[in-house]
């Protein structure tokens, strides 16, 4: 499993654990919109819960509304934001070495 796939699975677990979703992790598509038409049907309260959960789990703070809106578009967008945050904290893996 790719590290990105593992992170997306973690994000799906986080969503299911923190929100009262009527779906399972397996039913959430990586690129399914979280808000708006054709989405999981989340609302602003759910968005706040996700922001708090991402801060607790990953130390990712989404205080800028524009950045938060972009990061919370889908599971893939959340995973990308988490990965960028983690790389900023630790630096990207050195070329030729596998992440631990």
C-alpha atoms as a PDB file:
ATOM      1  CA  UNK A   1       0.000   0.000   0.000  1.00  0.00           C
ATOM      2  CA  UNK A   2       1.349   3.411  -0.973  1.00  0.00           C
ATOM      3  CA  UNK A   3       1.936   5.854   1.912  1.00  0.00           C
ATOM      4  CA  UNK A   4      -0.671   8.136   0.315  1.00  0.00           C
ATOM      5  CA  UNK A   5      -3.209   5.298   0.244  1.00  0.00           C
ATOM      6  CA  UNK A   6      -2.522   4.560   3.911  1.00  0.00           C
ATOM      7  CA  UNK A   7      -2.996   8.239   4.742  1.00  0.00           C
ATOM      8  CA  UNK A   8      -6.284   8.368   2.798  1.00  0.00           C
ATOM      9  CA  UNK A   9      -7.470   5.301   4.745  1.00  0.00           C
ATOM     10  CA  UNK A  10      -6.535   7.069   8.005  1.00  0.00           C
ATOM     11  CA  UNK A  11      -8.453  10.181   6.915  1.00  0.00           C
ATOM     12  CA  UNK A  12     -11.528   8.061   6.128  1.00  0.00           C
ATOM     13  CA  UNK A  13     -11.270   6.441   9.571  1.00  0.00           C
ATOM     14  CA  UNK A  14     -10.989   9.900  11.115  1.00  0.00           C
ATOM     15  CA  UNK A  15     -14.122  11.089   9.280  1.00  0.00           C
ATOM     16  CA  UNK A  16     -16.173   8.043  10.275  1.00  0.00           C
ATOM     17  CA  UNK A  17     -14.948   8.183  13.895  1.00  0.00           C
ATOM     18  CA  UNK A  18     -15.537  11.921  14.382  1.00  0.00           C
ATOM     19  CA  UNK A  19     -18.720  12.485  12.395  1.00  0.00           C
ATOM     20  CA  UNK A  20     -22.021  10.662  12.624  1.00  0.00           C
ATOM     21  CA  UNK A  21     -21.833   9.444   9.042  1.00  0.00           C
ATOM     22  CA  UNK A  22     -24.344   6.967   7.664  1.00  0.00           C
ATOM     23  CA  UNK A  23     -21.592   5.421   5.517  1.00  0.00           C
ATOM     24  CA  UNK A  24     -18.553   3.245   6.126  1.00  0.00           C
ATOM     25  CA  UNK A  25     -14.943   4.036   5.257  1.00  0.00           C
ATOM     26  CA  UNK A  26     -15.204   1.780   2.186  1.00  0.00           C
ATOM     27  CA  UNK A  27     -18.130   3.835   0.854  1.00  0.00           C
ATOM     28  CA  UNK A  28     -16.193   7.120   0.886  1.00  0.00           C
ATOM     29  CA  UNK A  29     -14.438   7.773  -2.418  1.00  0.00           C
ATOM     30  CA  UNK A  30     -11.021   9.452  -2.370  1.00  0.00           C
ATOM     31  CA  UNK A  31     -12.294  12.290  -4.559  1.00  0.00           C
ATOM     32  CA  UNK A  32     -15.931  12.426  -3.421  1.00  0.00           C
ATOM     33  CA  UNK A  33     -16.752  16.008  -2.427  1.00  0.00           C
ATOM     34  CA  UNK A  34     -17.353  16.343   1.313  1.00  0.00           C
ATOM     35  CA  UNK A  35     -19.635  19.388   0.978  1.00  0.00           C
ATOM     36  CA  UNK A  36     -22.183  20.616  -1.563  1.00  0.00           C
ATOM     37  CA  UNK A  37     -24.152  18.843  -4.317  1.00  0.00           C
ATOM     38  CA  UNK A  38     -23.216  15.219  -4.953  1.00  0.00           C
ATOM     39  CA  UNK A  39     -21.212  15.092  -1.740  1.00  0.00           C
ATOM     40  CA  UNK A  40     -21.259  13.229   1.550  1.00  0.00           C
ATOM     41  CA  UNK A  41     -23.598  15.985   2.729  1.00  0.00           C
ATOM     42  CA  UNK A  42     -21.400  17.437   5.446  1.00  0.00           C
ATOM     43  CA  UNK A  43     -22.181  20.829   6.968  1.00  0.00           C
ATOM     44  CA  UNK A  44     -20.296  23.605   8.764  1.00  0.00           C
ATOM     45  CA  UNK A  45     -20.449  21.797  12.121  1.00  0.00           C
ATOM     46  CA  UNK A  46     -18.871  18.745  10.471  1.00  0.00           C
ATOM     47  CA  UNK A  47     -16.177  20.996   8.965  1.00  0.00           C
ATOM     48  CA  UNK A  48     -15.324  22.325  12.423  1.00  0.00           C
ATOM     49  CA  UNK A  49     -15.128  18.792  13.822  1.00  0.00           C
ATOM     50  CA  UNK A  50     -12.800  17.756  10.978  1.00  0.00           C
ATOM     51  CA  UNK A  51     -10.534  20.787  11.576  1.00  0.00           C
ATOM     52  CA  UNK A  52     -10.302  19.949  15.300  1.00  0.00           C
ATOM     53  CA  UNK A  53      -9.647  16.258  14.559  1.00  0.00           C
ATOM     54  CA  UNK A  54      -6.884  17.094  12.036  1.00  0.00           C
ATOM     55  CA  UNK A  55      -5.232  19.368  14.600  1.00  0.00           C
ATOM     56  CA  UNK A  56      -5.391  16.668  17.301  1.00  0.00           C
ATOM     57  CA  UNK A  57      -4.291  13.785  15.066  1.00  0.00           C
ATOM     58  CA  UNK A  58      -1.706  15.471  12.847  1.00  0.00           C
ATOM     59  CA  UNK A  59      -1.021  18.908  14.350  1.00  0.00           C
ATOM     60  CA  UNK A  60      -2.454  20.424  11.147  1.00  0.00           C
ATOM     61  CA  UNK A  61      -3.941  23.840  11.844  1.00  0.00           C
ATOM     62  CA  UNK A  62      -6.353  25.177   9.223  1.00  0.00           C
ATOM     63  CA  UNK A  63      -6.909  28.707  10.488  1.00  0.00           C
ATOM     64  CA  UNK A  64      -7.068  30.384   7.061  1.00  0.00           C
ATOM     65  CA  UNK A  65     -10.636  29.982   5.696  1.00  0.00           C
ATOM     66  CA  UNK A  66      -9.494  29.765   2.049  1.00  0.00           C
ATOM     67  CA  UNK A  67      -6.882  27.113   2.860  1.00  0.00           C
ATOM     68  CA  UNK A  68      -9.396  25.200   4.989  1.00  0.00           C
ATOM     69  CA  UNK A  69     -11.986  25.254   2.195  1.00  0.00           C
ATOM     70  CA  UNK A  70      -9.436  23.867  -0.269  1.00  0.00           C
ATOM     71  CA  UNK A  71      -8.083  21.251   2.173  1.00  0.00           C
ATOM     72  CA  UNK A  72     -11.547  19.976   3.089  1.00  0.00           C
ATOM     73  CA  UNK A  73     -12.782  19.384  -0.470  1.00  0.00           C
ATOM     74  CA  UNK A  74     -12.247  15.606  -0.389  1.00  0.00           C
ATOM     75  CA  UNK A  75     -10.318  12.803   1.311  1.00  0.00           C
ATOM     76  CA  UNK A  76      -7.548  13.254  -1.283  1.00  0.00           C
ATOM     77  CA  UNK A  77      -7.341  17.000  -0.544  1.00  0.00           C
ATOM     78  CA  UNK A  78      -7.137  16.355   3.214  1.00  0.00           C
ATOM     79  CA  UNK A  79      -4.413  13.733   2.681  1.00  0.00           C
ATOM     80  CA  UNK A  80      -2.444  16.184   0.525  1.00  0.00           C
ATOM     81  CA  UNK A  81      -2.711  18.904   3.178  1.00  0.00           C
ATOM     82  CA  UNK A  82      -1.610  16.488   5.926  1.00  0.00           C
ATOM     83  CA  UNK A  83       1.321  15.232   3.837  1.00  0.00           C
ATOM     84  CA  UNK A  84       2.483  18.790   3.066  1.00  0.00           C
ATOM     85  CA  UNK A  85       2.229  19.666   6.755  1.00  0.00           C
ATOM     86  CA  UNK A  86       4.226  16.565   7.748  1.00  0.00           C
ATOM     87  CA  UNK A  87       6.913  17.316   5.154  1.00  0.00           C
ATOM     88  CA  UNK A  88       7.162  20.898   6.408  1.00  0.00           C
ATOM     89  CA  UNK A  89       7.698  19.532   9.926  1.00  0.00           C
ATOM     90  CA  UNK A  90      10.265  16.870   9.060  1.00  0.00           C
ATOM     91  CA  UNK A  91      11.447  17.705   5.560  1.00  0.00           C
ATOM     92  CA  UNK A  92      10.881  15.434   2.562  1.00  0.00           C
ATOM     93  CA  UNK A  93      12.534  12.003   2.572  1.00  0.00           C
ATOM     94  CA  UNK A  94      16.041  12.038   1.132  1.00  0.00           C
ATOM     95  CA  UNK A  95      16.278  10.829  -2.461  1.00  0.00           C
ATOM     96  CA  UNK A  96      16.875   7.099  -2.680  1.00  0.00           C
ATOM     97  CA  UNK A  97      15.705   6.366   0.833  1.00  0.00           C
ATOM     98  CA  UNK A  98      12.406   4.794   1.760  1.00  0.00           C
ATOM     99  CA  UNK A  99      10.252   6.586   4.330  1.00  0.00           C
ATOM    100  CA  UNK A 100      10.225   4.769   7.637  1.00  0.00           C
END
